[in-house]
Each structure stands twice: as structure tokens, then as C-alpha cells.
Amino acid sequence: MTTATTQTAQGAGAHGGPPRTDAAAGGAQAAPDTGGRQARGSLRSGFGLFGPRHGRHTLSVDDLDTLALPIGDDGVVIGVDAQGQPAVLGLNRPTPYDVVLIGGLWTAQVLALRAAATGARVAVETGRAQAWTQMMHAMGGGQNGLAVYDVGRVPPQGASAGTPVLVVRDCGMRPPRGRVVSGPWQSVLTLLPYLSPVAPRLVRQARLVGVQRISPDEAAELGRTMGLSRADVDTLPTLPDGVTLWCSDRDRQYVTTQPTDAEVGLLGTPRRMD
């Protein structure tokens, strides 16, 4: 800001007015257009037109502690954490992002609804289209809401920063390798109703893993795969409906998904089993 201010001040102060003519030559020959050249040079360098002078905006050292900026994550509010604070999942990203949810259809549908509310298009790849039909109609369907496809039939989605996409893969215990994978501005959420033989591979590839209530044997196996603590392994079989343990490389967080009245009217109350 200092460089821009200095150059603008010099250009306006020294050559801000119109070019003058040479009086000794009877006005027949104009003086060299140094002001015009400097102005054009300033414009080319990106400083814009010369304008009125303003005092600089400064902040004293003593006032720095009073300066606060609202910095935080943006994305889908997936529930509240143990402290009652909103838990936010950023699904719309410029880099590939894979999520695995070992849990119930209800939670996956809430995430899809809330992702659509943030402006994302949702494409569902599923072998049980009837389970998504009511939700598809409620969201308008088609390219502007939620579209449902048979397994292996999801077309390219054309995701971009202006139209991010969430692909939900609801393909049962052994989902085949998807034709449409995660990419810039296109996240993929794979739903597994239970731990299956393909789960370890999907978990290792995922950037984020959500786990709902599972059996003690499944919890022990998943604990070995993900390096969970003994406390988490013991807790997973006892989780209430609507509670998910979300795990990333560096974080573990229990989140309770609390539905809105509209979500309850469309999807019902939280449940682990479908």
C-alpha cells in the first residue's frame, strides 16, 4: 500500500494537470507530454485514475489487541460437538475430497440436504432409488437440486467453483469402483451400512471418516485400521442415534446431528437402522 500511495502522490502532484504549451514558441509546439506518459504508465501498472487525497488508515500498536476479524470455517453444519458448538464440514473444495460414512441412510440424506442448501448440486448413485425419491421431489430434482442414478450410471457432473458437486454413493456393503470420482469442486461421500471387506481400503483412501453405532467386533477391527483409542473403541457400540464419530488424520470429534423441523417432516427422526 505504501508503494502505491507514494507513486500516486508523485504522479498527481508533479503532473496531475493538463500538459502546458510553450509560450516562447507562440504556442505552436507543445511541451513534451511527460505528464501523459507517467499517467499512462501508472494506469498500466494498475494504480488507476488519480483521485482526491485522503489520510492514511493507520492503527497504533496499543490498539492492535482490539482488532478482531471473524475468521472461521465455512461449509455444511453437520451438528454440534461435545461443547455444543456447531461442527462444520467443508465439502466444497478446490481439491479432491473423499468422505466415508459407516452409518445410516438418515445421516447421509441430511448431509445431502444441507450440502444442497449451500449451493452444491447433489448426485446420488444408489441401488435403492425408492429411498431417495421423496427427497428428490422435495428438492426439485434435476440439475438444480438432487438427481438419482443407478449404480454405475452417474454421468460427468461438470463441477466448478460456481457449481460444486457432492456425489453420494449409496451402493451397499461392497460398492464398486465409481466411474465419477472426487476432483476439484467435486466431493464424494460413500455410505457403508456396516463394516465390510472393502471398508479398510475405502477408509485408507478417505480424507474424513464418520462412524456411527457398530458392533463391538466391528469397533475392534476399525480401531486397528484407524488407530482409534481404547476409549473410542469401547464407545462406538453404545452411540445413540444421530451421533457420529468423525475422524480425520489429526482430529477425532463426536458430533450430534440435530434435525430441523423441515428435515424431520421429510426424513423423520434420527435413526441408525433403515
C-alpha atoms as a PDB file:
ATOM      1  CA  MET A   1       0.000   0.000   0.000  1.00  0.00           C
ATOM      2  CA  THR A   2       2.920   2.352   0.714  1.00  0.00           C
ATOM      3  CA  THR A   3       4.376   1.963  -2.804  1.00  0.00           C
ATOM      4  CA  ALA A   4       1.003   2.558  -4.457  1.00  0.00           C
ATOM      5  CA  THR A   5       0.312   5.644  -2.338  1.00  0.00           C
ATOM      6  CA  THR A   6       3.745   7.135  -2.998  1.00  0.00           C
ATOM      7  CA  GLN A   7       3.571   6.692  -6.774  1.00  0.00           C
ATOM      8  CA  THR A   8       0.067   8.081  -6.974  1.00  0.00           C
ATOM      9  CA  ALA A   9       1.022  11.133  -4.928  1.00  0.00           C
ATOM     10  CA  GLN A  10       4.096  11.832  -7.054  1.00  0.00           C
ATOM     11  CA  GLY A  11       2.231  11.427 -10.332  1.00  0.00           C
ATOM     12  CA  ALA A  12      -0.667  13.669  -9.299  1.00  0.00           C
ATOM     13  CA  GLY A  13       1.471  16.339  -7.604  1.00  0.00           C
ATOM     14  CA  ALA A  14       4.032  16.717 -10.376  1.00  0.00           C
ATOM     15  CA  HIS A  15       1.971  16.048 -13.489  1.00  0.00           C
ATOM     16  CA  GLY A  16      -1.629  15.978 -12.382  1.00  0.00           C
ATOM     17  CA  GLY A  17      -2.794  18.894 -14.553  1.00  0.00           C
ATOM     18  CA  PRO A  18      -3.155  19.102 -18.341  1.00  0.00           C
ATOM     19  CA  PRO A  19       0.037  19.460 -20.430  1.00  0.00           C
ATOM     20  CA  ARG A  20       1.089  23.130 -20.859  1.00  0.00           C
ATOM     21  CA  THR A  21       2.136  24.781 -24.122  1.00  0.00           C
ATOM     22  CA  ASP A  22       5.486  26.539 -24.721  1.00  0.00           C
ATOM     23  CA  ALA A  23       4.794  30.317 -24.637  1.00  0.00           C
ATOM     24  CA  ALA A  24       8.191  31.211 -26.193  1.00  0.00           C
ATOM     25  CA  ALA A  25       7.293  29.271 -29.309  1.00  0.00           C
ATOM     26  CA  GLY A  26       4.000  31.076 -29.643  1.00  0.00           C
ATOM     27  CA  GLY A  27       2.054  28.047 -28.635  1.00  0.00           C
ATOM     28  CA  ALA A  28       2.927  26.319 -31.899  1.00  0.00           C
ATOM     29  CA  GLN A  29       4.712  23.441 -30.233  1.00  0.00           C
ATOM     30  CA  ALA A  30       3.556  21.664 -27.082  1.00  0.00           C
ATOM     31  CA  ALA A  31       5.979  20.752 -24.304  1.00  0.00           C
ATOM     32  CA  PRO A  32       6.937  17.045 -24.069  1.00  0.00           C
ATOM     33  CA  ASP A  33       3.963  15.084 -22.769  1.00  0.00           C
ATOM     34  CA  THR A  34       5.742  13.766 -19.689  1.00  0.00           C
ATOM     35  CA  GLY A  35       2.584  14.001 -17.577  1.00  0.00           C
ATOM     36  CA  GLY A  36       0.573  11.926 -20.017  1.00  0.00           C
ATOM     37  CA  ARG A  37       3.279   9.288 -20.285  1.00  0.00           C
ATOM     38  CA  GLN A  38       3.546   8.980 -16.498  1.00  0.00           C
ATOM     39  CA  ALA A  39      -0.231   8.809 -16.131  1.00  0.00           C
ATOM     40  CA  ARG A  40      -0.458   6.087 -18.747  1.00  0.00           C
ATOM     41  CA  GLY A  41       2.376   4.232 -17.053  1.00  0.00           C
ATOM     42  CA  SER A  42       0.562   4.405 -13.731  1.00  0.00           C
ATOM     43  CA  LEU A  43      -2.623   3.114 -15.333  1.00  0.00           C
ATOM     44  CA  ARG A  44      -0.774   0.219 -16.925  1.00  0.00           C
ATOM     45  CA  SER A  45       0.761  -0.701 -13.575  1.00  0.00           C
ATOM     46  CA  GLY A  46      -2.688  -0.980 -12.037  1.00  0.00           C
ATOM     47  CA  PHE A  47      -2.973   2.126  -9.848  1.00  0.00           C
ATOM     48  CA  GLY A  48      -5.991   3.580 -11.670  1.00  0.00           C
ATOM     49  CA  LEU A  49      -7.036   7.198 -12.108  1.00  0.00           C
ATOM     50  CA  PHE A  50      -5.679   9.924  -9.888  1.00  0.00           C
ATOM     51  CA  GLY A  51      -8.136  10.913  -7.203  1.00  0.00           C
ATOM     52  CA  PRO A  52      -8.520  13.104  -4.125  1.00  0.00           C
ATOM     53  CA  ARG A  53      -6.081  12.861  -1.251  1.00  0.00           C
ATOM     54  CA  HIS A  54      -7.042  11.017   1.915  1.00  0.00           C
ATOM     55  CA  GLY A  55      -5.202  10.439   5.116  1.00  0.00           C
ATOM     56  CA  ARG A  56      -3.679   7.032   5.601  1.00  0.00           C
ATOM     57  CA  HIS A  57      -5.596   4.460   7.625  1.00  0.00           C
ATOM     58  CA  THR A  58      -3.332   3.572  10.498  1.00  0.00           C
ATOM     59  CA  LEU A  59      -3.668   1.652  13.740  1.00  0.00           C
ATOM     60  CA  SER A  60      -1.468   2.222  16.730  1.00  0.00           C
ATOM     61  CA  VAL A  61       0.325  -0.637  18.434  1.00  0.00           C
ATOM     62  CA  ASP A  62      -1.781  -0.114  21.556  1.00  0.00           C
ATOM     63  CA  ASP A  63      -4.969  -0.634  19.524  1.00  0.00           C
ATOM     64  CA  LEU A  64      -3.919  -3.882  17.848  1.00  0.00           C
ATOM     65  CA  ASP A  65      -5.440  -6.035  20.583  1.00  0.00           C
ATOM     66  CA  THR A  66      -8.864  -4.528  19.867  1.00  0.00           C
ATOM     67  CA  LEU A  67      -8.743  -5.595  16.229  1.00  0.00           C
ATOM     68  CA  ALA A  68     -10.691  -8.815  15.643  1.00  0.00           C
ATOM     69  CA  LEU A  69     -11.638 -10.490  12.357  1.00  0.00           C
ATOM     70  CA  PRO A  70     -14.387 -13.132  12.009  1.00  0.00           C
ATOM     71  CA  ILE A  71     -12.249 -15.989  10.730  1.00  0.00           C
ATOM     72  CA  GLY A  72     -13.709 -19.499  10.682  1.00  0.00           C
ATOM     73  CA  ASP A  73     -14.617 -22.489   8.542  1.00  0.00           C
ATOM     74  CA  ASP A  74     -17.430 -22.417   6.054  1.00  0.00           C
ATOM     75  CA  GLY A  75     -19.410 -25.350   4.771  1.00  0.00           C
ATOM     76  CA  VAL A  76     -22.153 -27.690   5.928  1.00  0.00           C
ATOM     77  CA  VAL A  77     -23.217 -27.645   9.573  1.00  0.00           C
ATOM     78  CA  ILE A  78     -23.381 -31.359  10.351  1.00  0.00           C
ATOM     79  CA  GLY A  79     -24.346 -30.975  14.026  1.00  0.00           C
ATOM     80  CA  VAL A  80     -22.922 -29.859  17.333  1.00  0.00           C
ATOM     81  CA  ASP A  81     -19.835 -31.090  19.151  1.00  0.00           C
ATOM     82  CA  ALA A  82     -19.485 -32.152  22.773  1.00  0.00           C
ATOM     83  CA  GLN A  83     -19.305 -28.486  23.835  1.00  0.00           C
ATOM     84  CA  GLY A  84     -22.492 -27.601  21.961  1.00  0.00           C
ATOM     85  CA  GLN A  85     -20.617 -25.658  19.280  1.00  0.00           C
ATOM     86  CA  PRO A  86     -21.529 -26.019  15.578  1.00  0.00           C
ATOM     87  CA  ALA A  87     -19.497 -28.664  13.741  1.00  0.00           C
ATOM     88  CA  VAL A  88     -18.862 -27.609  10.147  1.00  0.00           C
ATOM     89  CA  LEU A  89     -17.796 -29.842   7.269  1.00  0.00           C
ATOM     90  CA  GLY A  90     -16.284 -28.100   4.245  1.00  0.00           C
ATOM     91  CA  LEU A  91     -17.415 -30.189   1.278  1.00  0.00           C
ATOM     92  CA  ASN A  92     -16.922 -27.622  -1.486  1.00  0.00           C
ATOM     93  CA  ARG A  93     -13.172 -27.681  -2.060  1.00  0.00           C
ATOM     94  CA  PRO A  94     -10.802 -26.939  -4.944  1.00  0.00           C
ATOM     95  CA  THR A  95      -9.065 -30.282  -4.309  1.00  0.00           C
ATOM     96  CA  PRO A  96     -10.420 -33.868  -4.322  1.00  0.00           C
ATOM     97  CA  TYR A  97     -12.177 -34.787  -1.087  1.00  0.00           C
ATOM     98  CA  ASP A  98     -13.419 -38.280  -0.191  1.00  0.00           C
ATOM     99  CA  VAL A  99     -15.638 -38.978   2.813  1.00  0.00           C
ATOM    100  CA  VAL A 100     -16.691 -42.403   4.103  1.00  0.00           C
ATOM    101  CA  LEU A 101     -19.685 -42.706   6.422  1.00  0.00           C
ATOM    102  CA  ILE A 102     -20.163 -46.051   8.177  1.00  0.00           C
ATOM    103  CA  GLY A 103     -23.670 -45.440   9.366  1.00  0.00           C
ATOM    104  CA  GLY A 104     -27.312 -44.933   8.472  1.00  0.00           C
ATOM    105  CA  LEU A 105     -29.094 -43.568   5.422  1.00  0.00           C
ATOM    106  CA  TRP A 106     -30.765 -40.866   7.526  1.00  0.00           C
ATOM    107  CA  THR A 107     -27.464 -39.108   8.254  1.00  0.00           C
ATOM    108  CA  ALA A 108     -26.333 -39.317   4.634  1.00  0.00           C
ATOM    109  CA  GLN A 109     -29.604 -37.762   3.475  1.00  0.00           C
ATOM    110  CA  VAL A 110     -29.341 -34.920   5.990  1.00  0.00           C
ATOM    111  CA  LEU A 111     -25.827 -34.186   4.730  1.00  0.00           C
ATOM    112  CA  ALA A 112     -27.102 -34.199   1.144  1.00  0.00           C
ATOM    113  CA  LEU A 113     -29.928 -31.794   2.027  1.00  0.00           C
ATOM    114  CA  ARG A 114     -27.598 -29.398   3.794  1.00  0.00           C
ATOM    115  CA  ALA A 115     -24.990 -29.562   1.044  1.00  0.00           C
ATOM    116  CA  ALA A 116     -27.668 -28.580  -1.462  1.00  0.00           C
ATOM    117  CA  ALA A 117     -28.632 -25.679   0.805  1.00  0.00           C
ATOM    118  CA  THR A 118     -25.083 -24.314   0.442  1.00  0.00           C
ATOM    119  CA  GLY A 119     -25.459 -24.257  -3.359  1.00  0.00           C
ATOM    120  CA  ALA A 120     -23.978 -27.629  -4.289  1.00  0.00           C
ATOM    121  CA  ARG A 121     -25.603 -29.973  -6.774  1.00  0.00           C
ATOM    122  CA  VAL A 122     -26.096 -33.462  -5.348  1.00  0.00           C
ATOM    123  CA  ALA A 123     -25.822 -36.621  -7.449  1.00  0.00           C
ATOM    124  CA  VAL A 124     -26.849 -39.870  -5.749  1.00  0.00           C
ATOM    125  CA  GLU A 125     -25.619 -43.227  -7.033  1.00  0.00           C
ATOM    126  CA  THR A 126     -27.804 -45.866  -5.443  1.00  0.00           C
ATOM    127  CA  GLY A 127     -29.319 -49.303  -5.788  1.00  0.00           C
ATOM    128  CA  ARG A 128     -32.394 -48.247  -3.788  1.00  0.00           C
ATOM    129  CA  ALA A 129     -33.747 -45.279  -5.690  1.00  0.00           C
ATOM    130  CA  GLN A 130     -37.101 -45.517  -3.886  1.00  0.00           C
ATOM    131  CA  ALA A 131     -35.376 -44.481  -0.652  1.00  0.00           C
ATOM    132  CA  TRP A 132     -34.356 -41.174  -2.264  1.00  0.00           C
ATOM    133  CA  THR A 133     -37.479 -40.452  -4.352  1.00  0.00           C
ATOM    134  CA  GLN A 134     -39.365 -38.337  -1.808  1.00  0.00           C
ATOM    135  CA  MET A 135     -36.267 -36.310  -1.034  1.00  0.00           C
ATOM    136  CA  MET A 136     -35.549 -35.804  -4.754  1.00  0.00           C
ATOM    137  CA  HIS A 137     -39.041 -34.411  -5.336  1.00  0.00           C
ATOM    138  CA  ALA A 138     -38.768 -32.144  -2.292  1.00  0.00           C
ATOM    139  CA  MET A 139     -35.506 -30.666  -3.594  1.00  0.00           C
ATOM    140  CA  GLY A 140     -36.814 -30.057  -7.098  1.00  0.00           C
ATOM    141  CA  GLY A 141     -34.818 -32.819  -8.775  1.00  0.00           C
ATOM    142  CA  GLY A 142     -32.812 -32.393 -11.954  1.00  0.00           C
ATOM    143  CA  GLN A 143     -29.618 -30.468 -12.363  1.00  0.00           C
ATOM    144  CA  ASN A 144     -30.617 -27.703  -9.919  1.00  0.00           C
ATOM    145  CA  GLY A 145     -31.260 -29.953  -6.923  1.00  0.00           C
ATOM    146  CA  LEU A 146     -30.754 -33.660  -6.375  1.00  0.00           C
ATOM    147  CA  ALA A 147     -30.506 -36.236  -9.135  1.00  0.00           C
ATOM    148  CA  VAL A 148     -30.645 -40.020  -8.580  1.00  0.00           C
ATOM    149  CA  TYR A 149     -28.820 -42.517 -10.770  1.00  0.00           C
ATOM    150  CA  ASP A 150     -28.486 -46.291 -10.874  1.00  0.00           C
ATOM    151  CA  VAL A 151     -25.200 -47.816  -9.773  1.00  0.00           C
ATOM    152  CA  GLY A 152     -22.524 -47.185 -12.389  1.00  0.00           C
ATOM    153  CA  ARG A 153     -24.693 -44.713 -14.341  1.00  0.00           C
ATOM    154  CA  VAL A 154     -23.586 -41.361 -12.914  1.00  0.00           C
ATOM    155  CA  PRO A 155     -22.585 -39.085 -15.824  1.00  0.00           C
ATOM    156  CA  PRO A 156     -19.821 -36.459 -15.605  1.00  0.00           C
ATOM    157  CA  GLN A 157     -21.126 -33.637 -13.434  1.00  0.00           C
ATOM    158  CA  GLY A 158     -19.135 -30.662 -14.724  1.00  0.00           C
ATOM    159  CA  ALA A 159     -18.237 -29.404 -11.262  1.00  0.00           C
ATOM    160  CA  SER A 160     -16.723 -25.948 -10.924  1.00  0.00           C
ATOM    161  CA  ALA A 161     -16.190 -23.280  -8.290  1.00  0.00           C
ATOM    162  CA  GLY A 162     -19.554 -21.775  -9.223  1.00  0.00           C
ATOM    163  CA  THR A 163     -21.387 -25.115  -9.266  1.00  0.00           C
ATOM    164  CA  PRO A 164     -19.760 -27.514  -6.771  1.00  0.00           C
ATOM    165  CA  VAL A 165     -20.992 -31.090  -6.668  1.00  0.00           C
ATOM    166  CA  LEU A 166     -21.456 -33.702  -3.958  1.00  0.00           C
ATOM    167  CA  VAL A 167     -21.668 -37.294  -5.194  1.00  0.00           C
ATOM    168  CA  VAL A 168     -23.313 -39.624  -2.662  1.00  0.00           C
ATOM    169  CA  ARG A 169     -22.546 -43.310  -3.261  1.00  0.00           C
ATOM    170  CA  ASP A 170     -25.237 -45.426  -1.580  1.00  0.00           C
ATOM    171  CA  CYS A 171     -24.236 -48.734  -3.143  1.00  0.00           C
ATOM    172  CA  GLY A 172     -24.446 -51.225  -0.300  1.00  0.00           C
ATOM    173  CA  MET A 173     -21.779 -53.190   1.541  1.00  0.00           C
ATOM    174  CA  ARG A 174     -19.487 -53.651  -1.465  1.00  0.00           C
ATOM    175  CA  PRO A 175     -19.694 -50.534  -3.619  1.00  0.00           C
ATOM    176  CA  PRO A 176     -17.997 -50.979  -6.997  1.00  0.00           C
ATOM    177  CA  ARG A 177     -15.319 -48.542  -8.060  1.00  0.00           C
ATOM    178  CA  GLY A 178     -17.116 -45.404  -9.120  1.00  0.00           C
ATOM    179  CA  ARG A 179     -16.986 -44.018 -12.648  1.00  0.00           C
ATOM    180  CA  VAL A 180     -17.260 -40.497 -11.233  1.00  0.00           C
ATOM    181  CA  VAL A 181     -14.546 -39.846  -8.667  1.00  0.00           C
ATOM    182  CA  SER A 182     -13.635 -36.911  -6.481  1.00  0.00           C
ATOM    183  CA  GLY A 183     -11.923 -33.954  -8.117  1.00  0.00           C
ATOM    184  CA  PRO A 184     -11.718 -30.158  -7.898  1.00  0.00           C
ATOM    185  CA  TRP A 185     -15.050 -28.881  -6.515  1.00  0.00           C
ATOM    186  CA  GLN A 186     -16.470 -32.412  -6.520  1.00  0.00           C
ATOM    187  CA  SER A 187     -16.535 -34.342  -3.240  1.00  0.00           C
ATOM    188  CA  VAL A 188     -17.621 -37.961  -2.896  1.00  0.00           C
ATOM    189  CA  LEU A 189     -19.447 -39.359   0.150  1.00  0.00           C
ATOM    190  CA  THR A 190     -19.528 -43.167   0.285  1.00  0.00           C
ATOM    191  CA  LEU A 191     -22.124 -44.672   2.622  1.00  0.00           C
ATOM    192  CA  LEU A 192     -21.446 -48.098   4.148  1.00  0.00           C
ATOM    193  CA  PRO A 193     -24.247 -49.530   6.316  1.00  0.00           C
ATOM    194  CA  TYR A 194     -21.742 -51.717   8.180  1.00  0.00           C
ATOM    195  CA  LEU A 195     -18.073 -52.598   8.146  1.00  0.00           C
ATOM    196  CA  SER A 196     -17.380 -54.704   5.072  1.00  0.00           C
ATOM    197  CA  PRO A 197     -14.338 -56.325   3.433  1.00  0.00           C
ATOM    198  CA  VAL A 198     -13.867 -53.223   1.242  1.00  0.00           C
ATOM    199  CA  ALA A 199     -14.126 -50.812   4.173  1.00  0.00           C
ATOM    200  CA  PRO A 200     -10.401 -50.799   5.093  1.00  0.00           C
ATOM    201  CA  ARG A 201      -9.439 -49.762   1.552  1.00  0.00           C
ATOM    202  CA  LEU A 202     -12.063 -47.010   1.430  1.00  0.00           C
ATOM    203  CA  VAL A 203     -11.116 -45.776   4.891  1.00  0.00           C
ATOM    204  CA  ARG A 204      -7.441 -45.530   3.978  1.00  0.00           C
ATOM    205  CA  GLN A 205      -8.260 -43.524   0.850  1.00  0.00           C
ATOM    206  CA  ALA A 206     -10.680 -41.143   2.562  1.00  0.00           C
ATOM    207  CA  ARG A 207      -9.801 -37.723   3.915  1.00  0.00           C
ATOM    208  CA  LEU A 208     -12.604 -37.975   6.500  1.00  0.00           C
ATOM    209  CA  VAL A 209     -14.364 -40.982   8.056  1.00  0.00           C
ATOM    210  CA  GLY A 210     -17.613 -40.905  10.022  1.00  0.00           C
ATOM    211  CA  VAL A 211     -18.558 -43.861  12.219  1.00  0.00           C
ATOM    212  CA  GLN A 212     -21.926 -44.424  13.855  1.00  0.00           C
ATOM    213  CA  ARG A 213     -23.010 -47.245  16.133  1.00  0.00           C
ATOM    214  CA  ILE A 214     -21.391 -50.560  15.172  1.00  0.00           C
ATOM    215  CA  SER A 215     -20.915 -53.902  16.894  1.00  0.00           C
ATOM    216  CA  PRO A 216     -18.057 -54.492  19.373  1.00  0.00           C
ATOM    217  CA  ASP A 217     -16.269 -56.755  16.868  1.00  0.00           C
ATOM    218  CA  GLU A 218     -16.555 -54.132  14.146  1.00  0.00           C
ATOM    219  CA  ALA A 219     -15.335 -51.468  16.544  1.00  0.00           C
ATOM    220  CA  ALA A 220     -12.269 -53.530  17.432  1.00  0.00           C
ATOM    221  CA  GLU A 221     -11.441 -54.121  13.748  1.00  0.00           C
ATOM    222  CA  LEU A 222     -11.965 -50.487  12.846  1.00  0.00           C
ATOM    223  CA  GLY A 223      -9.886 -49.425  15.832  1.00  0.00           C
ATOM    224  CA  ARG A 224      -6.934 -51.375  14.442  1.00  0.00           C
ATOM    225  CA  THR A 225      -7.423 -49.971  10.939  1.00  0.00           C
ATOM    226  CA  MET A 226      -7.747 -46.343  12.039  1.00  0.00           C
ATOM    227  CA  GLY A 227      -5.620 -46.367  15.168  1.00  0.00           C
ATOM    228  CA  LEU A 228      -8.508 -45.438  17.473  1.00  0.00           C
ATOM    229  CA  SER A 229      -8.050 -45.163  21.199  1.00  0.00           C
ATOM    230  CA  ARG A 230      -9.410 -47.820  23.529  1.00  0.00           C
ATOM    231  CA  ALA A 231     -11.991 -45.347  24.784  1.00  0.00           C
ATOM    232  CA  ASP A 232     -13.313 -44.734  21.261  1.00  0.00           C
ATOM    233  CA  VAL A 233     -13.437 -48.476  20.519  1.00  0.00           C
ATOM    234  CA  ASP A 234     -15.479 -49.036  23.675  1.00  0.00           C
ATOM    235  CA  THR A 235     -17.776 -46.076  22.921  1.00  0.00           C
ATOM    236  CA  LEU A 236     -18.695 -46.881  19.306  1.00  0.00           C
ATOM    237  CA  PRO A 237     -21.091 -49.776  20.132  1.00  0.00           C
ATOM    238  CA  THR A 238     -23.003 -47.521  22.543  1.00  0.00           C
ATOM    239  CA  LEU A 239     -23.507 -44.413  20.378  1.00  0.00           C
ATOM    240  CA  PRO A 240     -27.078 -43.072  20.341  1.00  0.00           C
ATOM    241  CA  ASP A 241     -28.951 -42.482  17.087  1.00  0.00           C
ATOM    242  CA  GLY A 242     -27.757 -39.341  15.340  1.00  0.00           C
ATOM    243  CA  VAL A 243     -24.278 -39.343  16.908  1.00  0.00           C
ATOM    244  CA  THR A 244     -21.218 -39.816  14.689  1.00  0.00           C
ATOM    245  CA  LEU A 245     -17.521 -40.037  15.452  1.00  0.00           C
ATOM    246  CA  TRP A 246     -15.808 -38.036  12.695  1.00  0.00           C
ATOM    247  CA  CYS A 247     -12.127 -38.850  12.170  1.00  0.00           C
ATOM    248  CA  SER A 248      -9.521 -37.064  10.098  1.00  0.00           C
ATOM    249  CA  ASP A 249      -5.759 -37.500  10.088  1.00  0.00           C
ATOM    250  CA  ARG A 250      -5.333 -35.196  13.079  1.00  0.00           C
ATOM    251  CA  ASP A 251      -8.685 -34.952  14.776  1.00  0.00           C
ATOM    252  CA  ARG A 252     -11.410 -37.043  16.416  1.00  0.00           C
ATOM    253  CA  GLN A 253     -14.760 -35.451  17.184  1.00  0.00           C
ATOM    254  CA  TYR A 254     -18.139 -36.734  18.314  1.00  0.00           C
ATOM    255  CA  VAL A 255     -20.952 -34.823  16.611  1.00  0.00           C
ATOM    256  CA  THR A 256     -24.685 -34.954  17.285  1.00  0.00           C
ATOM    257  CA  THR A 257     -26.811 -34.197  14.223  1.00  0.00           C
ATOM    258  CA  GLN A 258     -29.923 -32.323  15.287  1.00  0.00           C
ATOM    259  CA  PRO A 259     -32.570 -32.159  12.544  1.00  0.00           C
ATOM    260  CA  THR A 260     -34.635 -29.085  11.783  1.00  0.00           C
ATOM    261  CA  ASP A 261     -38.432 -29.263  11.713  1.00  0.00           C
ATOM    262  CA  ALA A 262     -38.340 -29.415   7.910  1.00  0.00           C
ATOM    263  CA  GLU A 263     -35.846 -32.294   7.989  1.00  0.00           C
ATOM    264  CA  VAL A 264     -37.973 -34.212  10.483  1.00  0.00           C
ATOM    265  CA  GLY A 265     -41.027 -33.711   8.273  1.00  0.00           C
ATOM    266  CA  LEU A 266     -39.155 -35.044   5.242  1.00  0.00           C
ATOM    267  CA  LEU A 267     -36.834 -37.681   6.704  1.00  0.00           C
ATOM    268  CA  GLY A 268     -38.170 -38.450  10.169  1.00  0.00           C
ATOM    269  CA  THR A 269     -36.205 -38.504  13.400  1.00  0.00           C
ATOM    270  CA  PRO A 270     -32.540 -39.615  13.649  1.00  0.00           C
ATOM    271  CA  ARG A 271     -32.018 -43.358  13.290  1.00  0.00           C
ATOM    272  CA  ARG A 272     -29.135 -45.693  12.732  1.00  0.00           C
ATOM    273  CA  MET A 273     -31.096 -48.505  11.076  1.00  0.00           C
ATOM    274  CA  ASP A 274     -33.121 -48.188   7.864  1.00  0.00           C
END
